[in-house]
Amino acid sequence: MTTSARIDDASLGPVLITGANGFIGTHATRFFSGIGNSVVALTRGQPAPAGRGITNRVIRDLDDRPGLASALSGVQTVIHVAARVHAKKEGVESPDSACHRINVEGTRLLLEESVKAGVRRFLFISSVKAVASESDTIVDEDTTPMPTDAYGASKLEAERLVRVTAVQEGLHAPILRLPLVYGTGMKSNMARLFQAVEQGIPLPLGDVRNRRSFVYVDNVMEGMRSVLTTPAAASETFFISDGIDLSTPDLVRSIAASFGRRARLFPVPVGLMRSAANLLSRIGPIHLTLDSVSALVGSLFVDTAKIKKMTGYTPAVSIDEGLARTARRE
């Protein structure tokens, strides 16, 4: 498997981006409009930030067939970012049900309407959690998927829908599995970790010995561009990262250095942290549920050899620079 020729950026457009008002979607909307593509920013509720070459389209939800059909008119490329990620209950719908409805059935409907509209490329943004939540060995495209929560299971099921449709309809439909993504506008525990380090809050992570992959949001954009413009990537699945893995204590130290301060770490046995997750959730700005404790103390690292070899992708921004830009809110 060797790097294959790539098409030019202009061949992608017009581009429709789902979840265009979210963290990754906002960056994707700006990035693809910035390289010269007209972008349809598809959102549910709040419109995406306006900009040159960006057309906002708001729909009720991904089950809104008329809204999808209208938004897809004239579109050549779809980048499907929108997803139900968190496991918190909202209203009467259970998190498991919401993940399946949005991540699986929503993807199914979007694929169907994309095919009807004559879309030529469909990029599905997935997650390493479609394969694992923790692993002490490196995760690559040949690793047997064993998702451990409703989100991961729904992303894996949606991946399979994308793959079947791509083969049946001749779509260029790569799948990009992301580890934890960071950058300006991020939310959840990574944002809280930056906040805690910036405020100088002591963190009970001194005894952690793990290895995790991360990816800066600008590197995600280059990954998207690479798999969309490489014809050989049409039916492939890829992992992406910054190329350098860190332990959680090293991550905290790098974040602290970005703020020009020293990390404040103290040792707590990892087993105790796991068993006391709910109690720890009341301490400081980091919401330490069992899942988030696992993310802080467990290992999960990916092999990016395939995307590099097939598409020529290399992370344009180092992890140290990405963390520094995030600290500066650039």
C-alpha atoms as a PDB file:
ATOM      1  CA  MET A   1       0.000   0.000   0.000  1.00  0.00           C
ATOM      2  CA  THR A   2       1.651   3.191  -1.193  1.00  0.00           C
ATOM      3  CA  THR A   3       0.693   6.843  -1.341  1.00  0.00           C
ATOM      4  CA  SER A   4      -1.574   7.466  -4.330  1.00  0.00           C
ATOM      5  CA  ALA A   5      -2.204  10.585  -6.373  1.00  0.00           C
ATOM      6  CA  ARG A   6      -4.630  13.126  -4.979  1.00  0.00           C
ATOM      7  CA  ILE A   7      -7.253  15.240  -6.692  1.00  0.00           C
ATOM      8  CA  ASP A   8      -7.386  19.005  -6.247  1.00  0.00           C
ATOM      9  CA  ASP A   9      -9.475  20.666  -3.537  1.00  0.00           C
ATOM     10  CA  ALA A  10     -11.816  22.296  -6.041  1.00  0.00           C
ATOM     11  CA  SER A  11     -13.102  18.856  -7.065  1.00  0.00           C
ATOM     12  CA  LEU A  12     -14.708  18.421  -3.640  1.00  0.00           C
ATOM     13  CA  GLY A  13     -17.225  21.223  -3.706  1.00  0.00           C
ATOM     14  CA  PRO A  14     -19.865  22.164  -2.920  1.00  0.00           C
ATOM     15  CA  VAL A  15     -19.411  20.557   0.521  1.00  0.00           C
ATOM     16  CA  LEU A  16     -22.158  19.906   3.079  1.00  0.00           C
ATOM     17  CA  ILE A  17     -21.021  19.590   6.708  1.00  0.00           C
ATOM     18  CA  THR A  18     -23.374  18.218   9.357  1.00  0.00           C
ATOM     19  CA  GLY A  19     -23.039  19.405  12.945  1.00  0.00           C
ATOM     20  CA  ALA A  20     -21.513  22.583  11.583  1.00  0.00           C
ATOM     21  CA  ASN A  21     -22.097  24.546  14.788  1.00  0.00           C
ATOM     22  CA  GLY A  22     -20.225  22.030  16.978  1.00  0.00           C
ATOM     23  CA  PHE A  23     -16.549  22.010  17.896  1.00  0.00           C
ATOM     24  CA  ILE A  24     -15.214  19.974  14.960  1.00  0.00           C
ATOM     25  CA  GLY A  25     -17.961  21.100  12.595  1.00  0.00           C
ATOM     26  CA  THR A  26     -17.183  24.791  13.124  1.00  0.00           C
ATOM     27  CA  HIS A  27     -13.517  24.219  12.321  1.00  0.00           C
ATOM     28  CA  ALA A  28     -14.420  22.095   9.285  1.00  0.00           C
ATOM     29  CA  THR A  29     -16.774  24.750   7.938  1.00  0.00           C
ATOM     30  CA  ARG A  30     -14.076  27.415   8.172  1.00  0.00           C
ATOM     31  CA  PHE A  31     -11.369  25.127   6.809  1.00  0.00           C
ATOM     32  CA  PHE A  32     -13.174  23.944   3.685  1.00  0.00           C
ATOM     33  CA  SER A  33     -14.537  27.385   2.863  1.00  0.00           C
ATOM     34  CA  GLY A  34     -11.018  28.706   3.443  1.00  0.00           C
ATOM     35  CA  ILE A  35      -9.518  26.414   0.783  1.00  0.00           C
ATOM     36  CA  GLY A  36     -12.029  27.615  -1.760  1.00  0.00           C
ATOM     37  CA  ASN A  37     -15.042  25.333  -1.469  1.00  0.00           C
ATOM     38  CA  SER A  38     -18.583  26.587  -1.101  1.00  0.00           C
ATOM     39  CA  VAL A  39     -19.953  25.062   2.111  1.00  0.00           C
ATOM     40  CA  VAL A  40     -23.467  24.219   3.221  1.00  0.00           C
ATOM     41  CA  ALA A  41     -23.357  24.346   7.026  1.00  0.00           C
ATOM     42  CA  LEU A  42     -26.111  22.004   8.215  1.00  0.00           C
ATOM     43  CA  THR A  43     -27.233  22.386  11.811  1.00  0.00           C
ATOM     44  CA  ARG A  44     -30.077  21.529  14.127  1.00  0.00           C
ATOM     45  CA  GLY A  45     -31.235  24.650  15.939  1.00  0.00           C
ATOM     46  CA  GLN A  46     -28.499  27.284  16.207  1.00  0.00           C
ATOM     47  CA  PRO A  47     -26.922  28.232  12.839  1.00  0.00           C
ATOM     48  CA  ALA A  48     -23.189  27.900  12.285  1.00  0.00           C
ATOM     49  CA  PRO A  49     -20.996  31.044  12.352  1.00  0.00           C
ATOM     50  CA  ALA A  50     -21.411  32.990   9.137  1.00  0.00           C
ATOM     51  CA  GLY A  51     -18.573  33.468   6.688  1.00  0.00           C
ATOM     52  CA  ARG A  52     -17.664  33.916   3.054  1.00  0.00           C
ATOM     53  CA  GLY A  53     -18.697  30.937   0.968  1.00  0.00           C
ATOM     54  CA  ILE A  54     -20.830  29.493   3.794  1.00  0.00           C
ATOM     55  CA  THR A  55     -24.571  28.912   3.446  1.00  0.00           C
ATOM     56  CA  ASN A  56     -26.420  28.064   6.650  1.00  0.00           C
ATOM     57  CA  ARG A  57     -29.200  25.493   6.554  1.00  0.00           C
ATOM     58  CA  VAL A  58     -31.119  24.592   9.709  1.00  0.00           C
ATOM     59  CA  ILE A  59     -33.190  21.412   9.903  1.00  0.00           C
ATOM     60  CA  ARG A  60     -35.335  19.916  12.647  1.00  0.00           C
ATOM     61  CA  ASP A  61     -33.183  16.798  12.972  1.00  0.00           C
ATOM     62  CA  LEU A  62     -31.480  14.193  10.800  1.00  0.00           C
ATOM     63  CA  ASP A  63     -34.878  12.527  10.316  1.00  0.00           C
ATOM     64  CA  ASP A  64     -36.060  15.616   8.411  1.00  0.00           C
ATOM     65  CA  ARG A  65     -36.055  14.131   4.883  1.00  0.00           C
ATOM     66  CA  PRO A  66     -37.403  17.226   3.093  1.00  0.00           C
ATOM     67  CA  GLY A  67     -34.879  19.402   4.910  1.00  0.00           C
ATOM     68  CA  LEU A  68     -32.018  17.044   4.038  1.00  0.00           C
ATOM     69  CA  ALA A  69     -33.088  16.801   0.402  1.00  0.00           C
ATOM     70  CA  SER A  70     -33.216  20.579   0.070  1.00  0.00           C
ATOM     71  CA  ALA A  71     -29.861  21.102   1.778  1.00  0.00           C
ATOM     72  CA  LEU A  72     -28.170  18.439  -0.387  1.00  0.00           C
ATOM     73  CA  SER A  73     -29.243  19.961  -3.697  1.00  0.00           C
ATOM     74  CA  GLY A  74     -26.116  20.528  -5.791  1.00  0.00           C
ATOM     75  CA  VAL A  75     -23.772  19.133  -3.123  1.00  0.00           C
ATOM     76  CA  GLN A  76     -20.891  16.912  -4.251  1.00  0.00           C
ATOM     77  CA  THR A  77     -19.274  16.068  -0.900  1.00  0.00           C
ATOM     78  CA  VAL A  78     -20.796  15.330   2.513  1.00  0.00           C
ATOM     79  CA  ILE A  79     -18.757  15.436   5.719  1.00  0.00           C
ATOM     80  CA  HIS A  80     -20.866  13.819   8.430  1.00  0.00           C
ATOM     81  CA  VAL A  81     -19.706  15.150  11.797  1.00  0.00           C
ATOM     82  CA  ALA A  82     -22.990  15.398  13.721  1.00  0.00           C
ATOM     83  CA  ALA A  83     -23.434  12.775  16.437  1.00  0.00           C
ATOM     84  CA  ARG A  84     -24.860  12.094  19.863  1.00  0.00           C
ATOM     85  CA  VAL A  85     -21.734  11.693  22.000  1.00  0.00           C
ATOM     86  CA  HIS A  86     -22.518  11.971  25.693  1.00  0.00           C
ATOM     87  CA  ALA A  87     -24.409   9.492  27.835  1.00  0.00           C
ATOM     88  CA  LYS A  88     -26.456  11.971  29.868  1.00  0.00           C
ATOM     89  CA  LYS A  89     -30.202  11.503  29.795  1.00  0.00           C
ATOM     90  CA  GLU A  90     -32.164  14.268  28.082  1.00  0.00           C
ATOM     91  CA  GLY A  91     -35.942  14.330  28.450  1.00  0.00           C
ATOM     92  CA  VAL A  92     -37.693  10.973  28.192  1.00  0.00           C
ATOM     93  CA  GLU A  93     -35.262   9.382  25.733  1.00  0.00           C
ATOM     94  CA  SER A  94     -32.556   7.090  27.102  1.00  0.00           C
ATOM     95  CA  PRO A  95     -28.943   7.750  26.059  1.00  0.00           C
ATOM     96  CA  ASP A  96     -28.759   4.339  24.335  1.00  0.00           C
ATOM     97  CA  SER A  97     -31.880   5.088  22.324  1.00  0.00           C
ATOM     98  CA  ALA A  98     -30.678   8.584  21.448  1.00  0.00           C
ATOM     99  CA  CYS A  99     -27.297   7.285  20.262  1.00  0.00           C
ATOM    100  CA  HIS A 100     -28.982   4.753  17.988  1.00  0.00           C
ATOM    101  CA  ARG A 101     -31.567   7.211  16.652  1.00  0.00           C
ATOM    102  CA  ILE A 102     -29.093   9.968  15.865  1.00  0.00           C
ATOM    103  CA  ASN A 103     -25.875   8.106  15.082  1.00  0.00           C
ATOM    104  CA  VAL A 104     -27.303   5.108  13.240  1.00  0.00           C
ATOM    105  CA  GLU A 105     -30.716   6.016  11.862  1.00  0.00           C
ATOM    106  CA  GLY A 106     -29.647   9.615  11.204  1.00  0.00           C
ATOM    107  CA  THR A 107     -26.651   8.365   9.227  1.00  0.00           C
ATOM    108  CA  ARG A 108     -28.874   5.945   7.324  1.00  0.00           C
ATOM    109  CA  LEU A 109     -31.242   8.716   6.237  1.00  0.00           C
ATOM    110  CA  LEU A 110     -28.395  11.062   5.347  1.00  0.00           C
ATOM    111  CA  LEU A 111     -26.803   8.342   3.197  1.00  0.00           C
ATOM    112  CA  GLU A 112     -30.085   7.642   1.425  1.00  0.00           C
ATOM    113  CA  GLU A 113     -30.716  11.304   0.662  1.00  0.00           C
ATOM    114  CA  SER A 114     -27.086  11.835  -0.358  1.00  0.00           C
ATOM    115  CA  VAL A 115     -27.328   9.033  -2.915  1.00  0.00           C
ATOM    116  CA  LYS A 116     -30.586  10.482  -4.265  1.00  0.00           C
ATOM    117  CA  ALA A 117     -28.939  13.905  -4.577  1.00  0.00           C
ATOM    118  CA  GLY A 118     -26.002  12.538  -6.567  1.00  0.00           C
ATOM    119  CA  VAL A 119     -23.365  13.134  -3.881  1.00  0.00           C
ATOM    120  CA  ARG A 120     -20.004  11.714  -4.990  1.00  0.00           C
ATOM    121  CA  ARG A 121     -18.065  11.722  -1.700  1.00  0.00           C
ATOM    122  CA  PHE A 122     -19.235  10.951   1.832  1.00  0.00           C
ATOM    123  CA  LEU A 123     -16.789  11.227   4.729  1.00  0.00           C
ATOM    124  CA  PHE A 124     -17.957   9.657   7.978  1.00  0.00           C
ATOM    125  CA  ILE A 125     -16.352  10.998  11.132  1.00  0.00           C
ATOM    126  CA  SER A 126     -16.176   8.130  13.602  1.00  0.00           C
ATOM    127  CA  SER A 127     -14.307   7.500  16.832  1.00  0.00           C
ATOM    128  CA  VAL A 128     -11.712   5.198  18.316  1.00  0.00           C
ATOM    129  CA  LYS A 129     -14.513   4.277  20.734  1.00  0.00           C
ATOM    130  CA  ALA A 130     -16.085   2.270  17.898  1.00  0.00           C
ATOM    131  CA  VAL A 131     -13.220  -0.145  18.580  1.00  0.00           C
ATOM    132  CA  ALA A 132     -12.277   0.256  22.251  1.00  0.00           C
ATOM    133  CA  SER A 133     -12.433   2.538  25.274  1.00  0.00           C
ATOM    134  CA  GLU A 134      -9.174   1.267  26.741  1.00  0.00           C
ATOM    135  CA  SER A 135      -6.353  -0.852  25.362  1.00  0.00           C
ATOM    136  CA  ASP A 136      -2.844  -1.647  26.548  1.00  0.00           C
ATOM    137  CA  THR A 137      -1.840  -2.577  22.988  1.00  0.00           C
ATOM    138  CA  ILE A 138      -1.847  -0.350  19.932  1.00  0.00           C
ATOM    139  CA  VAL A 139      -5.155  -0.073  18.072  1.00  0.00           C
ATOM    140  CA  ASP A 140      -5.124  -0.197  14.273  1.00  0.00           C
ATOM    141  CA  GLU A 141      -7.538  -0.874  11.430  1.00  0.00           C
ATOM    142  CA  ASP A 142      -7.194  -4.654  11.916  1.00  0.00           C
ATOM    143  CA  THR A 143      -8.093  -4.557  15.615  1.00  0.00           C
ATOM    144  CA  THR A 144     -11.345  -6.404  16.291  1.00  0.00           C
ATOM    145  CA  PRO A 145     -13.918  -3.771  17.363  1.00  0.00           C
ATOM    146  CA  MET A 146     -15.253  -4.236  20.897  1.00  0.00           C
ATOM    147  CA  PRO A 147     -17.093  -1.015  21.814  1.00  0.00           C
ATOM    148  CA  THR A 148     -18.024  -0.723  25.471  1.00  0.00           C
ATOM    149  CA  ASP A 149     -20.774   1.903  25.456  1.00  0.00           C
ATOM    150  CA  ALA A 150     -23.798   2.977  23.429  1.00  0.00           C
ATOM    151  CA  TYR A 151     -21.883   5.729  21.673  1.00  0.00           C
ATOM    152  CA  GLY A 152     -19.108   3.425  20.458  1.00  0.00           C
ATOM    153  CA  ALA A 153     -21.561   0.712  19.432  1.00  0.00           C
ATOM    154  CA  SER A 154     -23.678   3.177  17.477  1.00  0.00           C
ATOM    155  CA  LYS A 155     -20.641   4.598  15.664  1.00  0.00           C
ATOM    156  CA  LEU A 156     -19.541   1.084  14.687  1.00  0.00           C
ATOM    157  CA  GLU A 157     -23.015   0.261  13.383  1.00  0.00           C
ATOM    158  CA  ALA A 158     -23.062   3.513  11.414  1.00  0.00           C
ATOM    159  CA  GLU A 159     -19.625   2.711   9.966  1.00  0.00           C
ATOM    160  CA  ARG A 160     -21.032  -0.539   8.607  1.00  0.00           C
ATOM    161  CA  LEU A 161     -23.942   1.309   7.005  1.00  0.00           C
ATOM    162  CA  VAL A 162     -21.510   3.682   5.310  1.00  0.00           C
ATOM    163  CA  ARG A 163     -19.359   0.838   4.043  1.00  0.00           C
ATOM    164  CA  VAL A 164     -22.296  -1.153   2.602  1.00  0.00           C
ATOM    165  CA  THR A 165     -23.785   1.914   0.904  1.00  0.00           C
ATOM    166  CA  ALA A 166     -20.416   2.934  -0.503  1.00  0.00           C
ATOM    167  CA  VAL A 167     -19.911  -0.453  -2.129  1.00  0.00           C
ATOM    168  CA  GLN A 168     -23.456  -0.625  -3.468  1.00  0.00           C
ATOM    169  CA  GLU A 169     -23.545   2.922  -4.825  1.00  0.00           C
ATOM    170  CA  GLY A 170     -19.919   3.467  -5.810  1.00  0.00           C
ATOM    171  CA  LEU A 171     -19.439   6.317  -3.333  1.00  0.00           C
ATOM    172  CA  HIS A 172     -16.051   7.586  -2.296  1.00  0.00           C
ATOM    173  CA  ALA A 173     -16.761   7.049   1.396  1.00  0.00           C
ATOM    174  CA  PRO A 174     -13.744   6.914   3.739  1.00  0.00           C
ATOM    175  CA  ILE A 175     -14.166   6.590   7.503  1.00  0.00           C
ATOM    176  CA  LEU A 176     -11.982   8.597   9.871  1.00  0.00           C
ATOM    177  CA  ARG A 177     -11.736   7.341  13.461  1.00  0.00           C
ATOM    178  CA  LEU A 178     -10.684  10.057  15.888  1.00  0.00           C
ATOM    179  CA  PRO A 179      -9.060   9.779  19.304  1.00  0.00           C
ATOM    180  CA  LEU A 180      -9.626  12.655  21.748  1.00  0.00           C
ATOM    181  CA  VAL A 181      -9.699  15.897  19.744  1.00  0.00           C
ATOM    182  CA  TYR A 182      -8.537  19.158  21.326  1.00  0.00           C
ATOM    183  CA  GLY A 183      -8.333  22.774  20.234  1.00  0.00           C
ATOM    184  CA  THR A 184     -10.111  26.097  20.619  1.00  0.00           C
ATOM    185  CA  GLY A 185     -13.815  25.554  21.193  1.00  0.00           C
ATOM    186  CA  MET A 186     -13.454  22.068  22.671  1.00  0.00           C
ATOM    187  CA  LYS A 187     -15.816  20.972  25.412  1.00  0.00           C
ATOM    188  CA  SER A 188     -16.133  18.284  28.084  1.00  0.00           C
ATOM    189  CA  ASN A 189     -13.268  16.935  30.181  1.00  0.00           C
ATOM    190  CA  MET A 190     -10.376  18.136  28.033  1.00  0.00           C
ATOM    191  CA  ALA A 191     -11.638  21.703  28.381  1.00  0.00           C
ATOM    192  CA  ARG A 192     -12.016  21.178  32.133  1.00  0.00           C
ATOM    193  CA  LEU A 193      -8.498  19.770  32.348  1.00  0.00           C
ATOM    194  CA  PHE A 194      -7.098  22.893  30.676  1.00  0.00           C
ATOM    195  CA  GLN A 195      -9.148  25.015  33.077  1.00  0.00           C
ATOM    196  CA  ALA A 196      -7.865  23.129  36.129  1.00  0.00           C
ATOM    197  CA  VAL A 197      -4.235  23.405  35.011  1.00  0.00           C
ATOM    198  CA  GLU A 198      -4.610  27.099  34.184  1.00  0.00           C
ATOM    199  CA  GLN A 199      -6.048  27.717  37.653  1.00  0.00           C
ATOM    200  CA  GLY A 200      -3.217  25.801  39.313  1.00  0.00           C
ATOM    201  CA  ILE A 201      -5.507  23.184  40.856  1.00  0.00           C
ATOM    202  CA  PRO A 202      -3.588  20.143  42.178  1.00  0.00           C
ATOM    203  CA  LEU A 203      -4.560  16.994  40.273  1.00  0.00           C
ATOM    204  CA  PRO A 204      -4.433  13.411  41.647  1.00  0.00           C
ATOM    205  CA  LEU A 205      -2.694  12.014  38.577  1.00  0.00           C
ATOM    206  CA  GLY A 206       0.918  11.628  39.710  1.00  0.00           C
ATOM    207  CA  ASP A 207       0.793   7.813  39.816  1.00  0.00           C
ATOM    208  CA  VAL A 208      -0.757   7.338  36.373  1.00  0.00           C
ATOM    209  CA  ARG A 209       1.354   5.354  33.917  1.00  0.00           C
ATOM    210  CA  ASN A 210      -0.559   5.169  30.676  1.00  0.00           C
ATOM    211  CA  ARG A 211      -0.318   6.001  26.964  1.00  0.00           C
ATOM    212  CA  ARG A 212      -2.942   7.894  24.984  1.00  0.00           C
ATOM    213  CA  SER A 213      -3.317   9.336  21.492  1.00  0.00           C
ATOM    214  CA  PHE A 214      -4.647  12.842  20.882  1.00  0.00           C
ATOM    215  CA  VAL A 215      -5.270  14.888  17.765  1.00  0.00           C
ATOM    216  CA  TYR A 216      -5.275  18.661  17.374  1.00  0.00           C
ATOM    217  CA  VAL A 217      -8.336  19.894  15.509  1.00  0.00           C
ATOM    218  CA  ASP A 218      -6.282  21.465  12.683  1.00  0.00           C
ATOM    219  CA  ASN A 219      -4.672  18.071  12.096  1.00  0.00           C
ATOM    220  CA  VAL A 220      -8.155  16.563  11.863  1.00  0.00           C
ATOM    221  CA  MET A 221      -8.896  19.032   9.062  1.00  0.00           C
ATOM    222  CA  GLU A 222      -5.814  17.920   7.140  1.00  0.00           C
ATOM    223  CA  GLY A 223      -6.824  14.308   7.705  1.00  0.00           C
ATOM    224  CA  MET A 224     -10.273  15.005   6.276  1.00  0.00           C
ATOM    225  CA  ARG A 225      -8.753  16.700   3.261  1.00  0.00           C
ATOM    226  CA  SER A 226      -6.291  13.845   2.722  1.00  0.00           C
ATOM    227  CA  VAL A 227      -8.843  11.026   2.680  1.00  0.00           C
ATOM    228  CA  LEU A 228     -11.327  12.996   0.586  1.00  0.00           C
ATOM    229  CA  THR A 229      -8.791  13.857  -2.106  1.00  0.00           C
ATOM    230  CA  THR A 230      -7.106  10.428  -2.313  1.00  0.00           C
ATOM    231  CA  PRO A 231      -9.033   8.153  -4.719  1.00  0.00           C
ATOM    232  CA  ALA A 232      -7.524   5.003  -3.181  1.00  0.00           C
ATOM    233  CA  ALA A 233      -9.093   5.939   0.183  1.00  0.00           C
ATOM    234  CA  ALA A 234     -12.624   5.480  -1.152  1.00  0.00           C
ATOM    235  CA  SER A 235     -13.557   2.381   0.830  1.00  0.00           C
ATOM    236  CA  GLU A 236     -11.012   2.579   3.616  1.00  0.00           C
ATOM    237  CA  THR A 237     -11.065   3.221   7.353  1.00  0.00           C
ATOM    238  CA  PHE A 238      -8.312   5.245   9.011  1.00  0.00           C
ATOM    239  CA  PHE A 239      -7.051   6.244  12.430  1.00  0.00           C
ATOM    240  CA  ILE A 240      -5.488   9.660  12.913  1.00  0.00           C
ATOM    241  CA  SER A 241      -3.505  11.353  15.687  1.00  0.00           C
ATOM    242  CA  ASP A 242      -0.806  13.938  16.311  1.00  0.00           C
ATOM    243  CA  GLY A 243       1.755  11.165  15.915  1.00  0.00           C
ATOM    244  CA  ILE A 244       3.100  11.462  19.464  1.00  0.00           C
ATOM    245  CA  ASP A 245       1.351   9.691  22.347  1.00  0.00           C
ATOM    246  CA  LEU A 246       1.474  10.989  25.929  1.00  0.00           C
ATOM    247  CA  SER A 247       0.786   9.741  29.412  1.00  0.00           C
ATOM    248  CA  THR A 248      -1.780  11.776  31.319  1.00  0.00           C
ATOM    249  CA  PRO A 249       0.873  13.290  33.648  1.00  0.00           C
ATOM    250  CA  ASP A 250       2.958  14.281  30.608  1.00  0.00           C
ATOM    251  CA  LEU A 251      -0.142  15.792  29.024  1.00  0.00           C
ATOM    252  CA  VAL A 252      -0.760  17.856  32.166  1.00  0.00           C
ATOM    253  CA  ARG A 253       2.878  18.987  32.197  1.00  0.00           C
ATOM    254  CA  SER A 254       2.671  20.038  28.548  1.00  0.00           C
ATOM    255  CA  ILE A 255      -0.558  21.956  29.167  1.00  0.00           C
ATOM    256  CA  ALA A 256       1.020  23.657  32.180  1.00  0.00           C
ATOM    257  CA  ALA A 257       4.058  24.641  30.093  1.00  0.00           C
ATOM    258  CA  SER A 258       1.669  26.178  27.544  1.00  0.00           C
ATOM    259  CA  PHE A 259       0.344  28.406  30.323  1.00  0.00           C
ATOM    260  CA  GLY A 260       3.858  29.190  31.518  1.00  0.00           C
ATOM    261  CA  ARG A 261       3.426  27.425  34.841  1.00  0.00           C
ATOM    262  CA  ARG A 262       4.429  24.188  36.581  1.00  0.00           C
ATOM    263  CA  ALA A 263       2.107  21.213  36.745  1.00  0.00           C
ATOM    264  CA  ARG A 264       0.702  20.427  40.181  1.00  0.00           C
ATOM    265  CA  LEU A 265       0.385  16.647  40.407  1.00  0.00           C
ATOM    266  CA  PHE A 266       0.087  14.473  43.478  1.00  0.00           C
ATOM    267  CA  PRO A 267      -0.071  10.662  43.650  1.00  0.00           C
ATOM    268  CA  VAL A 268      -3.265   8.709  44.214  1.00  0.00           C
ATOM    269  CA  PRO A 269      -3.382   4.973  43.471  1.00  0.00           C
ATOM    270  CA  VAL A 270      -5.077   4.362  40.133  1.00  0.00           C
ATOM    271  CA  GLY A 271      -7.262   1.588  41.557  1.00  0.00           C
ATOM    272  CA  LEU A 272      -8.540   3.949  44.225  1.00  0.00           C
ATOM    273  CA  MET A 273      -9.339   6.573  41.607  1.00  0.00           C
ATOM    274  CA  ARG A 274     -11.388   4.098  39.600  1.00  0.00           C
ATOM    275  CA  SER A 275     -13.334   2.893  42.640  1.00  0.00           C
ATOM    276  CA  ALA A 276     -13.914   6.413  43.933  1.00  0.00           C
ATOM    277  CA  ALA A 277     -14.912   7.948  40.606  1.00  0.00           C
ATOM    278  CA  ASN A 278     -18.322   9.159  41.724  1.00  0.00           C
ATOM    279  CA  LEU A 279     -16.899  10.760  44.863  1.00  0.00           C
ATOM    280  CA  LEU A 280     -14.124  12.442  42.881  1.00  0.00           C
ATOM    281  CA  SER A 281     -16.750  13.920  40.561  1.00  0.00           C
ATOM    282  CA  ARG A 282     -17.479  16.442  43.304  1.00  0.00           C
ATOM    283  CA  ILE A 283     -13.881  17.686  43.465  1.00  0.00           C
ATOM    284  CA  GLY A 284     -12.688  20.551  41.272  1.00  0.00           C
ATOM    285  CA  PRO A 285     -13.773  21.474  37.763  1.00  0.00           C
ATOM    286  CA  ILE A 286     -13.174  18.032  36.227  1.00  0.00           C
ATOM    287  CA  HIS A 287     -16.265  15.801  36.173  1.00  0.00           C
ATOM    288  CA  LEU A 288     -14.713  12.460  37.117  1.00  0.00           C
ATOM    289  CA  THR A 289     -17.270   9.810  36.263  1.00  0.00           C
ATOM    290  CA  LEU A 290     -16.110   6.212  35.846  1.00  0.00           C
ATOM    291  CA  ASP A 291     -15.760   6.787  32.082  1.00  0.00           C
ATOM    292  CA  SER A 292     -13.770   9.988  32.489  1.00  0.00           C
ATOM    293  CA  VAL A 293     -11.502   8.407  35.123  1.00  0.00           C
ATOM    294  CA  SER A 294     -10.836   5.584  32.648  1.00  0.00           C
ATOM    295  CA  ALA A 295      -9.937   8.200  30.045  1.00  0.00           C
ATOM    296  CA  LEU A 296      -7.461   9.790  32.446  1.00  0.00           C
ATOM    297  CA  VAL A 297      -5.786   6.654  33.805  1.00  0.00           C
ATOM    298  CA  GLY A 298      -6.279   4.042  31.075  1.00  0.00           C
ATOM    299  CA  SER A 299      -4.355   3.627  27.826  1.00  0.00           C
ATOM    300  CA  LEU A 300      -5.746   4.047  24.319  1.00  0.00           C
ATOM    301  CA  PHE A 301      -3.326   4.706  21.470  1.00  0.00           C
ATOM    302  CA  VAL A 302      -3.668   4.274  17.723  1.00  0.00           C
ATOM    303  CA  ASP A 303      -1.508   3.403  14.729  1.00  0.00           C
ATOM    304  CA  THR A 304      -1.578   6.065  11.981  1.00  0.00           C
ATOM    305  CA  ALA A 305       0.705   4.246   9.517  1.00  0.00           C
ATOM    306  CA  LYS A 306      -2.142   3.505   7.101  1.00  0.00           C
ATOM    307  CA  ILE A 307      -3.353   7.074   6.579  1.00  0.00           C
ATOM    308  CA  LYS A 308       0.237   8.301   6.232  1.00  0.00           C
ATOM    309  CA  LYS A 309       1.196   5.661   3.704  1.00  0.00           C
ATOM    310  CA  MET A 310      -1.969   5.746   1.613  1.00  0.00           C
ATOM    311  CA  THR A 311      -2.705   9.485   1.556  1.00  0.00           C
ATOM    312  CA  GLY A 312       0.572  11.151   2.486  1.00  0.00           C
ATOM    313  CA  TYR A 313      -1.003  12.702   5.588  1.00  0.00           C
ATOM    314  CA  THR A 314       1.379  14.066   8.187  1.00  0.00           C
ATOM    315  CA  PRO A 315       0.282  16.176  11.170  1.00  0.00           C
ATOM    316  CA  ALA A 316       0.998  19.786  10.262  1.00  0.00           C
ATOM    317  CA  VAL A 317       0.944  20.878  13.920  1.00  0.00           C
ATOM    318  CA  SER A 318       2.949  19.155  16.657  1.00  0.00           C
ATOM    319  CA  ILE A 319       1.196  18.210  19.880  1.00  0.00           C
ATOM    320  CA  ASP A 320       3.244  20.780  21.833  1.00  0.00           C
ATOM    321  CA  GLU A 321       2.264  23.537  19.420  1.00  0.00           C
ATOM    322  CA  GLY A 322      -1.360  22.360  19.332  1.00  0.00           C
ATOM    323  CA  LEU A 323      -1.575  22.487  23.120  1.00  0.00           C
ATOM    324  CA  ALA A 324       0.059  25.912  23.138  1.00  0.00           C
ATOM    325  CA  ARG A 325      -2.402  27.262  20.548  1.00  0.00           C
ATOM    326  CA  THR A 326      -5.277  25.831  22.565  1.00  0.00           C
ATOM    327  CA  ALA A 327      -3.987  27.488  25.734  1.00  0.00           C
ATOM    328  CA  ARG A 328      -3.742  30.787  23.819  1.00  0.00           C
ATOM    329  CA  ARG A 329      -7.285  30.177  22.515  1.00  0.00           C
ATOM    330  CA  GLU A 330      -6.141  30.629  18.929  1.00  0.00           C
END
